[in-house]
Amino acid sequence: KTKIDNTLPAHRQGIGYASKDRDTESLILTATIKDNILAAGFDKVAGKAGIATPAQQKKYVSDQVESLSIKCESMNQNVQFLSGGNKQKVAFAKWIARDCDIFIFDCPTRGVDIGVKAAMYQLIRNMQARGKSIIIISEEMTELLGTCDRIIILKDGEVSGTFDRSPELTEGEIIHAMI
């Protein structure tokens, strides 16, 4: 059993977290896309020697920019100049590049347009298909019903309801557990 009380043990256990407040907690806005993505995974690029060549860094980051279709001038563009959806993609890319086993996404589609929302949901489904565990914290009922295999409602620090994916599951049942 591992106690996780800061980011280092979480990284070692293969856990990644994208905060709902991406601009202050998930990203360094004044840093480049490259630096933001490398921040969570430099040890993956550097290997045992602790050194990563510019070519290794470029490949690590460009793979994410390409696979997530991050719209940018280059990976050296500061994150602050990206749209909300592309900022969110960079926040996800940090952890996807690291190849985490467990992803915690807090409000994963907050502040993004419908096209990016659809892309993020597809990305989550692809990650699930690859055996990754996804924990979604969300205020959007449709997001929870559409992406989660199990919904757990916490109220006053206690579990007040657990629901498995089912075509019969209704918003009303979930709301009842919330109030």
N, C-alpha and C. Protein backbone atom coordinates (compact mmCIF):
# COMPACT_ATOMS: atom_id res chain seq x y z
N LYS A 1 0.86 -1.18 0.00
CA LYS A 1 0.00 0.00 0.00
C LYS A 1 0.90 1.24 0.00
N THR A 2 0.60 2.17 -0.88
CA THR A 2 1.39 3.38 -1.00
C THR A 2 0.56 4.59 -0.58
N LYS A 3 1.13 5.39 0.29
CA LYS A 3 0.47 6.63 0.68
C LYS A 3 0.81 7.68 -0.38
N ILE A 4 -0.23 8.30 -0.90
CA ILE A 4 -0.02 9.33 -1.92
C ILE A 4 -0.44 10.66 -1.32
N ASP A 5 0.56 11.46 -0.97
CA ASP A 5 0.26 12.76 -0.38
C ASP A 5 0.89 13.92 -1.15
N ASN A 6 1.52 13.59 -2.29
CA ASN A 6 2.02 14.63 -3.19
C ASN A 6 2.20 14.01 -4.58
N THR A 7 2.68 14.80 -5.51
CA THR A 7 2.71 14.34 -6.90
C THR A 7 3.74 13.26 -7.20
N LEU A 8 4.84 13.23 -6.50
CA LEU A 8 5.88 12.24 -6.82
C LEU A 8 5.39 10.79 -6.65
N PRO A 9 4.80 10.44 -5.49
CA PRO A 9 4.28 9.07 -5.39
C PRO A 9 3.16 8.80 -6.40
N ALA A 10 2.38 9.81 -6.71
CA ALA A 10 1.32 9.63 -7.72
C ALA A 10 1.94 9.31 -9.08
N HIS A 11 2.97 10.04 -9.48
CA HIS A 11 3.67 9.75 -10.73
C HIS A 11 4.21 8.33 -10.73
N ARG A 12 4.83 7.95 -9.63
CA ARG A 12 5.43 6.61 -9.54
C ARG A 12 4.37 5.51 -9.62
N GLN A 13 3.17 5.82 -9.17
CA GLN A 13 2.08 4.84 -9.21
C GLN A 13 1.30 4.91 -10.52
N GLY A 14 1.71 5.78 -11.45
CA GLY A 14 1.06 5.86 -12.75
C GLY A 14 -0.26 6.60 -12.73
N ILE A 15 -0.36 7.61 -11.87
CA ILE A 15 -1.58 8.41 -11.75
C ILE A 15 -1.34 9.80 -12.31
N GLY A 16 -2.25 10.25 -13.16
CA GLY A 16 -2.20 11.61 -13.71
C GLY A 16 -3.47 12.35 -13.35
N TYR A 17 -3.36 13.66 -13.15
CA TYR A 17 -4.52 14.47 -12.74
C TYR A 17 -4.56 15.77 -13.53
N ALA A 18 -5.69 16.01 -14.17
CA ALA A 18 -5.93 17.28 -14.85
C ALA A 18 -7.02 18.02 -14.08
N SER A 19 -6.66 19.15 -13.51
CA SER A 19 -7.56 19.93 -12.68
C SER A 19 -8.62 20.65 -13.49
N LYS A 20 -9.74 20.93 -12.84
CA LYS A 20 -10.79 21.70 -13.51
C LYS A 20 -10.34 23.14 -13.75
N ASP A 21 -9.40 23.60 -12.96
CA ASP A 21 -8.88 24.96 -13.14
C ASP A 21 -7.55 24.86 -13.88
N ARG A 22 -7.63 24.53 -15.16
CA ARG A 22 -6.42 24.24 -15.94
C ARG A 22 -5.45 25.41 -15.99
N ASP A 23 -5.97 26.65 -15.99
CA ASP A 23 -5.10 27.81 -16.15
C ASP A 23 -4.21 28.08 -14.93
N THR A 24 -4.63 27.63 -13.76
CA THR A 24 -3.80 27.88 -12.57
C THR A 24 -3.26 26.61 -11.93
N GLU A 25 -3.88 25.46 -12.21
CA GLU A 25 -3.45 24.24 -11.54
C GLU A 25 -2.89 23.17 -12.47
N SER A 26 -3.26 23.17 -13.74
CA SER A 26 -2.79 22.12 -14.65
C SER A 26 -1.71 22.60 -15.61
N LEU A 27 -1.70 23.89 -15.88
CA LEU A 27 -0.78 24.41 -16.89
C LEU A 27 0.03 25.58 -16.36
N ILE A 28 1.18 25.79 -16.97
CA ILE A 28 1.97 27.00 -16.73
C ILE A 28 1.75 27.84 -17.99
N LEU A 29 0.88 28.82 -17.89
CA LEU A 29 0.46 29.58 -19.07
C LEU A 29 1.60 30.31 -19.76
N THR A 30 2.58 30.76 -19.01
CA THR A 30 3.68 31.52 -19.61
C THR A 30 4.79 30.62 -20.14
N ALA A 31 4.58 29.31 -20.04
CA ALA A 31 5.56 28.35 -20.57
C ALA A 31 5.05 27.82 -21.91
N THR A 32 5.92 27.18 -22.64
CA THR A 32 5.56 26.64 -23.95
C THR A 32 4.76 25.35 -23.82
N ILE A 33 4.13 24.97 -24.92
CA ILE A 33 3.44 23.68 -25.00
C ILE A 33 4.45 22.58 -24.67
N LYS A 34 5.61 22.69 -25.26
CA LYS A 34 6.68 21.70 -25.04
C LYS A 34 7.01 21.57 -23.56
N ASP A 35 7.24 22.68 -22.90
CA ASP A 35 7.62 22.65 -21.49
C ASP A 35 6.49 22.10 -20.61
N ASN A 36 5.25 22.44 -20.94
CA ASN A 36 4.12 21.93 -20.17
C ASN A 36 4.00 20.42 -20.30
N ILE A 37 4.13 19.90 -21.50
CA ILE A 37 4.01 18.46 -21.70
C ILE A 37 5.19 17.73 -21.07
N LEU A 38 6.39 18.29 -21.23
CA LEU A 38 7.58 17.66 -20.64
C LEU A 38 7.58 17.71 -19.12
N ALA A 39 6.89 18.69 -18.53
CA ALA A 39 6.91 18.87 -17.08
C ALA A 39 6.49 17.60 -16.33
N ALA A 40 5.53 16.88 -16.85
CA ALA A 40 5.06 15.68 -16.17
C ALA A 40 5.81 14.43 -16.58
N GLY A 41 6.57 14.49 -17.68
CA GLY A 41 7.17 13.27 -18.17
C GLY A 41 8.63 13.33 -18.54
N PHE A 42 9.34 14.32 -18.03
CA PHE A 42 10.75 14.44 -18.42
C PHE A 42 11.52 13.16 -18.08
N ASP A 43 11.19 12.56 -16.95
CA ASP A 43 11.89 11.32 -16.56
C ASP A 43 11.63 10.19 -17.55
N LYS A 44 10.48 10.22 -18.22
CA LYS A 44 10.17 9.20 -19.23
C LYS A 44 11.02 9.40 -20.48
N VAL A 45 11.31 10.65 -20.79
CA VAL A 45 12.11 10.97 -21.97
C VAL A 45 13.59 10.77 -21.68
N ALA A 46 14.01 11.20 -20.49
CA ALA A 46 15.43 11.19 -20.14
C ALA A 46 15.99 9.79 -19.93
N GLY A 47 15.17 8.90 -19.44
CA GLY A 47 15.67 7.56 -19.19
C GLY A 47 16.60 7.50 -17.98
N LYS A 48 17.39 6.44 -17.90
CA LYS A 48 18.23 6.17 -16.73
C LYS A 48 19.32 7.22 -16.53
N ALA A 49 19.86 7.73 -17.60
CA ALA A 49 20.97 8.69 -17.50
C ALA A 49 20.52 10.07 -17.03
N GLY A 50 19.21 10.34 -17.08
CA GLY A 50 18.70 11.65 -16.67
C GLY A 50 18.92 12.74 -17.70
N ILE A 51 19.24 12.34 -18.92
CA ILE A 51 19.49 13.30 -19.99
C ILE A 51 18.54 13.00 -21.14
N ALA A 52 17.95 14.04 -21.67
CA ALA A 52 17.08 13.90 -22.84
C ALA A 52 17.60 14.82 -23.93
N THR A 53 17.86 14.26 -25.08
CA THR A 53 18.34 15.07 -26.19
C THR A 53 17.21 15.94 -26.71
N PRO A 54 17.53 17.04 -27.39
CA PRO A 54 16.48 17.86 -28.00
C PRO A 54 15.61 17.02 -28.95
N ALA A 55 16.19 16.08 -29.66
CA ALA A 55 15.41 15.23 -30.58
C ALA A 55 14.44 14.35 -29.82
N GLN A 56 14.85 13.81 -28.69
CA GLN A 56 13.94 12.98 -27.87
C GLN A 56 12.80 13.83 -27.32
N GLN A 57 13.13 15.02 -26.86
CA GLN A 57 12.10 15.90 -26.32
C GLN A 57 11.10 16.29 -27.42
N LYS A 58 11.63 16.62 -28.58
CA LYS A 58 10.77 17.03 -29.70
C LYS A 58 9.82 15.91 -30.10
N LYS A 59 10.32 14.69 -30.19
CA LYS A 59 9.47 13.55 -30.57
C LYS A 59 8.39 13.31 -29.52
N TYR A 60 8.78 13.33 -28.26
CA TYR A 60 7.85 13.11 -27.15
C TYR A 60 6.68 14.09 -27.22
N VAL A 61 6.99 15.36 -27.43
CA VAL A 61 5.97 16.40 -27.46
C VAL A 61 5.21 16.39 -28.79
N SER A 62 5.91 16.28 -29.90
CA SER A 62 5.23 16.34 -31.20
C SER A 62 4.27 15.17 -31.38
N ASP A 63 4.58 14.02 -30.80
CA ASP A 63 3.63 12.89 -30.84
C ASP A 63 2.31 13.28 -30.21
N GLN A 64 2.36 14.02 -29.11
CA GLN A 64 1.13 14.44 -28.42
C GLN A 64 0.41 15.55 -29.19
N VAL A 65 1.16 16.51 -29.68
CA VAL A 65 0.56 17.61 -30.44
C VAL A 65 -0.19 17.03 -31.65
N GLU A 66 0.43 16.06 -32.29
CA GLU A 66 -0.18 15.45 -33.46
C GLU A 66 -1.37 14.56 -33.09
N SER A 67 -1.20 13.67 -32.12
CA SER A 67 -2.27 12.72 -31.81
C SER A 67 -3.50 13.40 -31.19
N LEU A 68 -3.31 14.51 -30.48
CA LEU A 68 -4.44 15.22 -29.90
C LEU A 68 -4.92 16.37 -30.78
N SER A 69 -4.27 16.54 -31.93
CA SER A 69 -4.64 17.62 -32.86
C SER A 69 -4.66 18.98 -32.16
N ILE A 70 -3.58 19.27 -31.43
CA ILE A 70 -3.47 20.56 -30.75
C ILE A 70 -3.14 21.61 -31.80
N LYS A 71 -4.02 22.58 -31.93
CA LYS A 71 -3.83 23.63 -32.93
C LYS A 71 -2.92 24.70 -32.35
N CYS A 72 -1.74 24.82 -32.97
CA CYS A 72 -0.74 25.76 -32.48
C CYS A 72 0.21 26.12 -33.61
N GLU A 73 0.95 27.21 -33.41
CA GLU A 73 1.96 27.61 -34.39
C GLU A 73 3.13 26.62 -34.35
N SER A 74 3.53 26.25 -33.15
CA SER A 74 4.59 25.26 -32.94
C SER A 74 4.53 24.84 -31.49
N MET A 75 5.28 23.80 -31.16
CA MET A 75 5.31 23.35 -29.77
C MET A 75 6.02 24.36 -28.87
N ASN A 76 6.67 25.36 -29.47
CA ASN A 76 7.34 26.40 -28.71
C ASN A 76 6.44 27.60 -28.44
N GLN A 77 5.18 27.51 -28.80
CA GLN A 77 4.21 28.57 -28.54
C GLN A 77 3.82 28.53 -27.06
N ASN A 78 3.69 29.70 -26.45
CA ASN A 78 3.24 29.75 -25.06
C ASN A 78 1.78 29.30 -24.98
N VAL A 79 1.48 28.55 -23.95
CA VAL A 79 0.14 28.00 -23.75
C VAL A 79 -0.91 29.10 -23.59
N GLN A 80 -0.53 30.24 -23.03
CA GLN A 80 -1.49 31.31 -22.79
C GLN A 80 -2.17 31.80 -24.07
N PHE A 81 -1.56 31.55 -25.22
CA PHE A 81 -2.13 32.03 -26.48
C PHE A 81 -3.01 31.00 -27.18
N LEU A 82 -3.23 29.86 -26.54
CA LEU A 82 -4.08 28.83 -27.12
C LEU A 82 -5.54 29.06 -26.73
N SER A 83 -6.44 28.47 -27.51
CA SER A 83 -7.86 28.49 -27.15
C SER A 83 -8.07 27.60 -25.94
N GLY A 84 -9.23 27.73 -25.30
CA GLY A 84 -9.54 26.90 -24.13
C GLY A 84 -9.46 25.42 -24.44
N GLY A 85 -9.98 25.02 -25.59
CA GLY A 85 -9.95 23.61 -25.96
C GLY A 85 -8.55 23.09 -26.17
N ASN A 86 -7.69 23.90 -26.77
CA ASN A 86 -6.32 23.46 -26.99
C ASN A 86 -5.51 23.48 -25.70
N LYS A 87 -5.83 24.39 -24.79
CA LYS A 87 -5.21 24.35 -23.47
C LYS A 87 -5.57 23.04 -22.77
N GLN A 88 -6.85 22.67 -22.88
CA GLN A 88 -7.31 21.43 -22.25
C GLN A 88 -6.59 20.22 -22.84
N LYS A 89 -6.38 20.24 -24.14
CA LYS A 89 -5.66 19.14 -24.79
C LYS A 89 -4.23 19.05 -24.28
N VAL A 90 -3.59 20.20 -24.05
CA VAL A 90 -2.23 20.19 -23.51
C VAL A 90 -2.24 19.61 -22.09
N ALA A 91 -3.25 19.99 -21.28
CA ALA A 91 -3.36 19.45 -19.92
C ALA A 91 -3.50 17.92 -19.95
N PHE A 92 -4.29 17.40 -20.89
CA PHE A 92 -4.44 15.95 -21.05
C PHE A 92 -3.15 15.33 -21.57
N ALA A 93 -2.52 16.01 -22.53
CA ALA A 93 -1.32 15.46 -23.19
C ALA A 93 -0.20 15.19 -22.20
N LYS A 94 -0.09 16.02 -21.17
CA LYS A 94 0.95 15.81 -20.16
C LYS A 94 0.90 14.40 -19.60
N TRP A 95 -0.31 13.94 -19.34
CA TRP A 95 -0.50 12.64 -18.68
C TRP A 95 -0.60 11.50 -19.68
N ILE A 96 -1.15 11.78 -20.84
CA ILE A 96 -1.22 10.74 -21.87
C ILE A 96 0.20 10.39 -22.33
N ALA A 97 1.04 11.39 -22.52
CA ALA A 97 2.42 11.15 -22.93
C ALA A 97 3.15 10.32 -21.88
N ARG A 98 2.84 10.54 -20.64
CA ARG A 98 3.46 9.81 -19.54
C ARG A 98 2.98 8.36 -19.48
N ASP A 99 1.89 8.08 -20.20
CA ASP A 99 1.30 6.74 -20.25
C ASP A 99 0.85 6.27 -18.87
N CYS A 100 0.11 7.13 -18.20
CA CYS A 100 -0.42 6.78 -16.89
C CYS A 100 -1.40 5.62 -17.02
N ASP A 101 -1.57 4.91 -15.92
CA ASP A 101 -2.56 3.83 -15.88
C ASP A 101 -3.89 4.34 -15.34
N ILE A 102 -3.82 5.36 -14.50
CA ILE A 102 -5.02 5.95 -13.89
C ILE A 102 -5.02 7.44 -14.19
N PHE A 103 -6.12 7.91 -14.76
CA PHE A 103 -6.28 9.33 -15.07
C PHE A 103 -7.43 9.88 -14.24
N ILE A 104 -7.20 11.00 -13.60
CA ILE A 104 -8.26 11.70 -12.89
C ILE A 104 -8.49 13.00 -13.63
N PHE A 105 -9.68 13.12 -14.20
CA PHE A 105 -10.03 14.31 -14.97
C PHE A 105 -11.15 15.04 -14.24
N ASP A 106 -10.86 16.22 -13.74
CA ASP A 106 -11.81 17.04 -13.01
C ASP A 106 -12.43 18.01 -14.00
N CYS A 107 -13.72 17.81 -14.28
CA CYS A 107 -14.44 18.63 -15.26
C CYS A 107 -13.68 18.68 -16.58
N PRO A 108 -13.52 17.53 -17.24
CA PRO A 108 -12.65 17.45 -18.41
C PRO A 108 -13.07 18.29 -19.61
N THR A 109 -14.33 18.69 -19.67
CA THR A 109 -14.75 19.47 -20.84
C THR A 109 -15.26 20.87 -20.47
N ARG A 110 -14.90 21.33 -19.30
CA ARG A 110 -15.31 22.68 -18.89
C ARG A 110 -14.63 23.72 -19.78
N GLY A 111 -15.42 24.62 -20.31
CA GLY A 111 -14.88 25.74 -21.07
C GLY A 111 -14.37 25.42 -22.45
N VAL A 112 -14.83 24.30 -23.04
CA VAL A 112 -14.41 23.96 -24.40
C VAL A 112 -15.63 23.89 -25.30
N ASP A 113 -15.41 24.11 -26.60
CA ASP A 113 -16.54 24.09 -27.52
C ASP A 113 -16.98 22.65 -27.82
N ILE A 114 -18.10 22.51 -28.49
CA ILE A 114 -18.73 21.21 -28.72
C ILE A 114 -17.83 20.26 -29.52
N GLY A 115 -17.06 20.80 -30.45
CA GLY A 115 -16.15 19.96 -31.24
C GLY A 115 -15.04 19.37 -30.38
N VAL A 116 -14.47 20.18 -29.51
CA VAL A 116 -13.41 19.70 -28.62
C VAL A 116 -14.01 18.73 -27.60
N LYS A 117 -15.24 19.02 -27.15
CA LYS A 117 -15.91 18.12 -26.21
C LYS A 117 -16.02 16.72 -26.82
N ALA A 118 -16.47 16.66 -28.05
CA ALA A 118 -16.61 15.36 -28.74
C ALA A 118 -15.25 14.67 -28.87
N ALA A 119 -14.23 15.43 -29.18
CA ALA A 119 -12.88 14.87 -29.31
C ALA A 119 -12.38 14.35 -27.96
N MET A 120 -12.65 15.07 -26.89
CA MET A 120 -12.22 14.64 -25.56
C MET A 120 -12.95 13.36 -25.15
N TYR A 121 -14.24 13.28 -25.43
CA TYR A 121 -14.99 12.07 -25.10
C TYR A 121 -14.45 10.87 -25.88
N GLN A 122 -14.11 11.09 -27.16
CA GLN A 122 -13.55 10.01 -27.96
C GLN A 122 -12.19 9.59 -27.40
N LEU A 123 -11.40 10.54 -26.99
CA LEU A 123 -10.11 10.26 -26.39
C LEU A 123 -10.28 9.42 -25.12
N ILE A 124 -11.24 9.78 -24.29
CA ILE A 124 -11.51 9.02 -23.07
C ILE A 124 -11.94 7.60 -23.40
N ARG A 125 -12.82 7.43 -24.39
CA ARG A 125 -13.24 6.08 -24.81
C ARG A 125 -12.05 5.26 -25.31
N ASN A 126 -11.17 5.89 -26.09
CA ASN A 126 -9.98 5.19 -26.58
C ASN A 126 -9.08 4.76 -25.43
N MET A 127 -8.94 5.61 -24.44
CA MET A 127 -8.12 5.27 -23.28
C MET A 127 -8.74 4.11 -22.51
N GLN A 128 -10.05 4.13 -22.35
CA GLN A 128 -10.74 3.03 -21.68
C GLN A 128 -10.53 1.73 -22.45
N ALA A 129 -10.61 1.79 -23.76
CA ALA A 129 -10.42 0.59 -24.59
C ALA A 129 -9.01 0.03 -24.45
N ARG A 130 -8.04 0.89 -24.13
CA ARG A 130 -6.66 0.44 -23.94
C ARG A 130 -6.40 -0.02 -22.50
N GLY A 131 -7.47 -0.11 -21.71
CA GLY A 131 -7.33 -0.63 -20.35
C GLY A 131 -6.96 0.40 -19.30
N LYS A 132 -7.02 1.67 -19.65
CA LYS A 132 -6.71 2.72 -18.69
C LYS A 132 -7.93 2.96 -17.79
N SER A 133 -7.66 3.29 -16.54
CA SER A 133 -8.73 3.63 -15.60
C SER A 133 -8.92 5.13 -15.62
N ILE A 134 -10.16 5.54 -15.77
CA ILE A 134 -10.48 6.97 -15.87
C ILE A 134 -11.44 7.31 -14.74
N ILE A 135 -11.08 8.30 -13.94
CA ILE A 135 -11.97 8.83 -12.92
C ILE A 135 -12.36 10.22 -13.38
N ILE A 136 -13.65 10.42 -13.54
CA ILE A 136 -14.15 11.72 -14.00
C ILE A 136 -14.93 12.36 -12.86
N ILE A 137 -14.56 13.58 -12.56
CA ILE A 137 -15.29 14.39 -11.60
C ILE A 137 -16.00 15.44 -12.44
N SER A 138 -17.32 15.49 -12.34
CA SER A 138 -18.04 16.40 -13.22
C SER A 138 -19.33 16.88 -12.59
N GLU A 139 -19.73 18.07 -13.02
CA GLU A 139 -21.00 18.65 -12.61
C GLU A 139 -22.04 18.44 -13.70
N GLU A 140 -21.61 17.91 -14.85
CA GLU A 140 -22.51 17.72 -15.99
C GLU A 140 -23.06 16.30 -16.01
N MET A 141 -24.34 16.18 -15.77
CA MET A 141 -24.99 14.88 -15.70
C MET A 141 -24.84 14.11 -17.01
N THR A 142 -25.02 14.79 -18.14
CA THR A 142 -24.90 14.10 -19.43
C THR A 142 -23.48 13.57 -19.64
N GLU A 143 -22.49 14.30 -19.15
CA GLU A 143 -21.10 13.86 -19.26
C GLU A 143 -20.89 12.57 -18.46
N LEU A 144 -21.43 12.54 -17.26
CA LEU A 144 -21.29 11.35 -16.42
C LEU A 144 -22.02 10.16 -17.03
N LEU A 145 -23.24 10.37 -17.44
CA LEU A 145 -24.03 9.27 -18.02
C LEU A 145 -23.43 8.77 -19.33
N GLY A 146 -22.81 9.68 -20.09
CA GLY A 146 -22.28 9.31 -21.39
C GLY A 146 -20.90 8.69 -21.38
N THR A 147 -20.13 8.91 -20.30
CA THR A 147 -18.74 8.43 -20.31
C THR A 147 -18.42 7.41 -19.22
N CYS A 148 -19.22 7.34 -18.19
CA CYS A 148 -18.83 6.53 -17.03
C CYS A 148 -19.48 5.15 -17.02
N ASP A 149 -18.70 4.15 -16.63
CA ASP A 149 -19.23 2.80 -16.43
C ASP A 149 -19.86 2.68 -15.05
N ARG A 150 -19.38 3.49 -14.12
CA ARG A 150 -19.94 3.51 -12.77
C ARG A 150 -19.93 4.95 -12.28
N ILE A 151 -21.01 5.35 -11.64
CA ILE A 151 -21.12 6.69 -11.05
C ILE A 151 -21.26 6.51 -9.55
N ILE A 152 -20.40 7.20 -8.82
CA ILE A 152 -20.45 7.16 -7.36
C ILE A 152 -20.74 8.58 -6.88
N ILE A 153 -21.79 8.72 -6.09
CA ILE A 153 -22.19 10.02 -5.55
C ILE A 153 -21.66 10.13 -4.13
N LEU A 154 -20.91 11.20 -3.88
CA LEU A 154 -20.42 11.48 -2.54
C LEU A 154 -21.19 12.67 -1.99
N LYS A 155 -21.68 12.52 -0.78
CA LYS A 155 -22.43 13.59 -0.14
C LYS A 155 -21.95 13.68 1.30
N ASP A 156 -21.49 14.84 1.70
CA ASP A 156 -20.97 15.06 3.04
C ASP A 156 -19.89 14.04 3.41
N GLY A 157 -19.03 13.72 2.43
CA GLY A 157 -17.92 12.81 2.67
C GLY A 157 -18.29 11.33 2.71
N GLU A 158 -19.52 11.01 2.42
CA GLU A 158 -19.99 9.62 2.44
C GLU A 158 -20.55 9.25 1.07
N VAL A 159 -20.45 7.97 0.73
CA VAL A 159 -21.06 7.48 -0.51
C VAL A 159 -22.56 7.42 -0.30
N SER A 160 -23.30 8.16 -1.12
CA SER A 160 -24.76 8.17 -1.00
C SER A 160 -25.43 7.44 -2.15
N GLY A 161 -24.65 6.98 -3.11
CA GLY A 161 -25.23 6.21 -4.21
C GLY A 161 -24.16 5.71 -5.15
N THR A 162 -24.36 4.50 -5.65
CA THR A 162 -23.47 3.91 -6.65
C THR A 162 -24.34 3.35 -7.76
N PHE A 163 -24.00 3.72 -9.00
CA PHE A 163 -24.81 3.33 -10.15
C PHE A 163 -23.91 2.77 -11.25
N ASP A 164 -24.25 1.60 -11.75
CA ASP A 164 -23.54 1.04 -12.88
C ASP A 164 -24.23 1.47 -14.16
N ARG A 165 -23.44 1.54 -15.26
CA ARG A 165 -24.00 1.92 -16.56
C ARG A 165 -25.17 1.00 -16.89
N SER A 166 -26.25 1.62 -17.31
CA SER A 166 -27.43 0.85 -17.69
C SER A 166 -28.33 1.74 -18.54
N PRO A 167 -28.96 1.16 -19.57
CA PRO A 167 -29.89 1.96 -20.38
C PRO A 167 -31.08 2.46 -19.56
N GLU A 168 -31.36 1.78 -18.46
CA GLU A 168 -32.50 2.17 -17.61
C GLU A 168 -32.16 3.26 -16.60
N LEU A 169 -30.87 3.52 -16.40
CA LEU A 169 -30.45 4.52 -15.42
C LEU A 169 -30.94 5.91 -15.84
N THR A 170 -31.56 6.61 -14.90
CA THR A 170 -32.09 7.94 -15.21
C THR A 170 -31.38 9.01 -14.38
N GLU A 171 -31.46 10.22 -14.88
CA GLU A 171 -30.91 11.35 -14.14
C GLU A 171 -31.61 11.48 -12.80
N GLY A 172 -32.90 11.18 -12.76
CA GLY A 172 -33.68 11.29 -11.54
C GLY A 172 -33.12 10.41 -10.43
N GLU A 173 -32.72 9.18 -10.75
CA GLU A 173 -32.15 8.29 -9.76
C GLU A 173 -30.86 8.88 -9.17
N ILE A 174 -30.06 9.44 -10.05
CA ILE A 174 -28.80 10.01 -9.59
C ILE A 174 -29.05 11.25 -8.75
N ILE A 175 -29.94 12.10 -9.20
CA ILE A 175 -30.28 13.32 -8.45
C ILE A 175 -30.82 12.98 -7.08
N HIS A 176 -31.64 11.93 -7.01
CA HIS A 176 -32.20 11.51 -5.71
C HIS A 176 -31.07 11.17 -4.73
N ALA A 177 -30.01 10.52 -5.20
CA ALA A 177 -28.87 10.18 -4.33
C ALA A 177 -28.08 11.42 -3.94
N MET A 178 -28.20 12.48 -4.74
CA MET A 178 -27.45 13.70 -4.46
C MET A 178 -28.12 14.58 -3.42
N ILE A 179 -29.45 14.49 -3.30
CA ILE A 179 -30.16 15.39 -2.38
C ILE A 179 -30.52 14.74 -1.06
